[in-house]
Protein backbone atom coordinates (compact mmCIF):
# COMPACT_ATOMS: atom_id res chain seq x y z
CA MET A 1 17.84 -24.34 -44.90
CA LYS A 2 14.29 -23.04 -45.28
CA PHE A 3 12.99 -26.19 -43.58
CA PHE A 4 15.06 -25.47 -40.47
CA LYS A 5 13.78 -21.90 -40.30
CA LYS A 6 10.21 -23.16 -40.26
CA GLN A 7 11.01 -25.72 -37.58
CA PHE A 8 12.70 -23.06 -35.46
CA PHE A 9 9.66 -20.80 -35.85
CA LEU A 10 7.30 -23.62 -34.82
CA VAL A 11 9.42 -24.45 -31.77
CA ILE A 12 9.32 -20.80 -30.66
CA ILE A 13 5.52 -20.75 -31.02
CA LEU A 14 5.25 -24.00 -29.08
CA LEU A 15 7.41 -22.70 -26.24
CA HIS A 16 5.35 -19.52 -26.02
CA SER A 17 2.10 -21.47 -25.95
CA ILE A 18 3.43 -23.69 -23.15
CA SER A 19 4.43 -20.70 -21.05
CA LEU A 20 1.13 -18.86 -21.61
CA PRO A 21 -1.17 -20.69 -19.11
CA PRO A 22 0.92 -19.90 -16.00
CA VAL A 23 1.00 -16.25 -17.03
CA LEU A 24 -2.78 -16.16 -17.32
CA ALA A 25 -3.35 -17.92 -13.99
CA GLN A 26 -3.91 -15.40 -11.21
CA SER A 27 -5.04 -15.81 -7.64
CA LYS A 28 -7.60 -12.95 -7.69
CA PRO A 29 -9.82 -12.27 -10.67
CA GLY A 30 -9.28 -8.79 -12.02
CA LEU A 31 -11.82 -6.41 -13.47
CA MET A 32 -11.54 -7.88 -16.97
CA GLU A 33 -11.86 -11.46 -15.70
CA SER A 34 -14.81 -10.76 -13.43
CA ASN A 35 -16.74 -9.26 -16.35
CA GLY A 36 -15.64 -12.01 -18.77
CA LYS A 37 -13.99 -9.50 -21.12
CA ILE A 38 -10.54 -11.04 -20.77
CA TYR A 39 -11.58 -13.75 -23.22
CA VAL A 40 -12.55 -11.14 -25.79
CA VAL A 41 -9.18 -9.43 -25.38
CA LEU A 42 -7.35 -12.76 -25.61
CA GLY A 43 -9.35 -13.71 -28.69
CA VAL A 44 -8.53 -10.44 -30.44
CA ILE A 45 -4.83 -10.77 -29.60
CA LEU A 46 -4.76 -14.35 -30.93
CA LEU A 47 -6.63 -13.32 -34.07
CA ILE A 48 -4.12 -10.54 -34.75
CA PHE A 49 -1.20 -12.87 -34.01
CA PHE A 50 -2.40 -15.61 -36.37
CA GLY A 51 -3.27 -13.01 -38.99
CA LEU A 52 0.31 -11.73 -38.89
CA ILE A 53 1.67 -15.27 -39.14
CA ILE A 54 -0.47 -16.01 -42.20
CA TRP A 55 0.45 -12.68 -43.79
CA LEU A 56 4.18 -13.27 -43.27
CA TRP A 57 3.89 -16.83 -44.61
CA ARG A 58 2.15 -15.63 -47.78
CA LEU A 59 4.67 -12.81 -48.18
CA ASP A 60 7.54 -15.30 -47.90
CA ARG A 61 5.97 -17.49 -50.60
CA LYS A 62 5.54 -14.51 -52.94
CA LEU A 63 9.12 -13.32 -52.38
CA THR A 64 10.46 -16.82 -52.97
CA LYS A 65 8.53 -16.98 -56.24
CA ILE A 66 9.95 -13.60 -57.32
CA GLU A 67 13.49 -14.66 -56.39
CA HIS A 68 13.19 -17.85 -58.46
CA HIS A 69 11.83 -15.82 -61.37
CA LEU A 70 14.73 -13.36 -61.18
CA ASN A 71 17.31 -16.15 -60.91
CA ASN A 72 15.88 -17.93 -63.96
CA ASN A 73 16.01 -14.75 -66.07
CA GLU A 74 19.71 -14.16 -65.38
């Protein structure tokens, strides 16, 4: 069951990454794009996003380890 949860999570990420380029494409460059700061903002958002994914993945591993430890002690 855990395998299917990971696959579902990866499919959601893939679908969001596919839909991202049309959202970023605009006809007129805005203030952030004309100054080149949009890439800094995008980089920070991606860094935070991947940081959260890694943190949640590590938290899931730790909780799984604790659950197995509790189940073995019963």
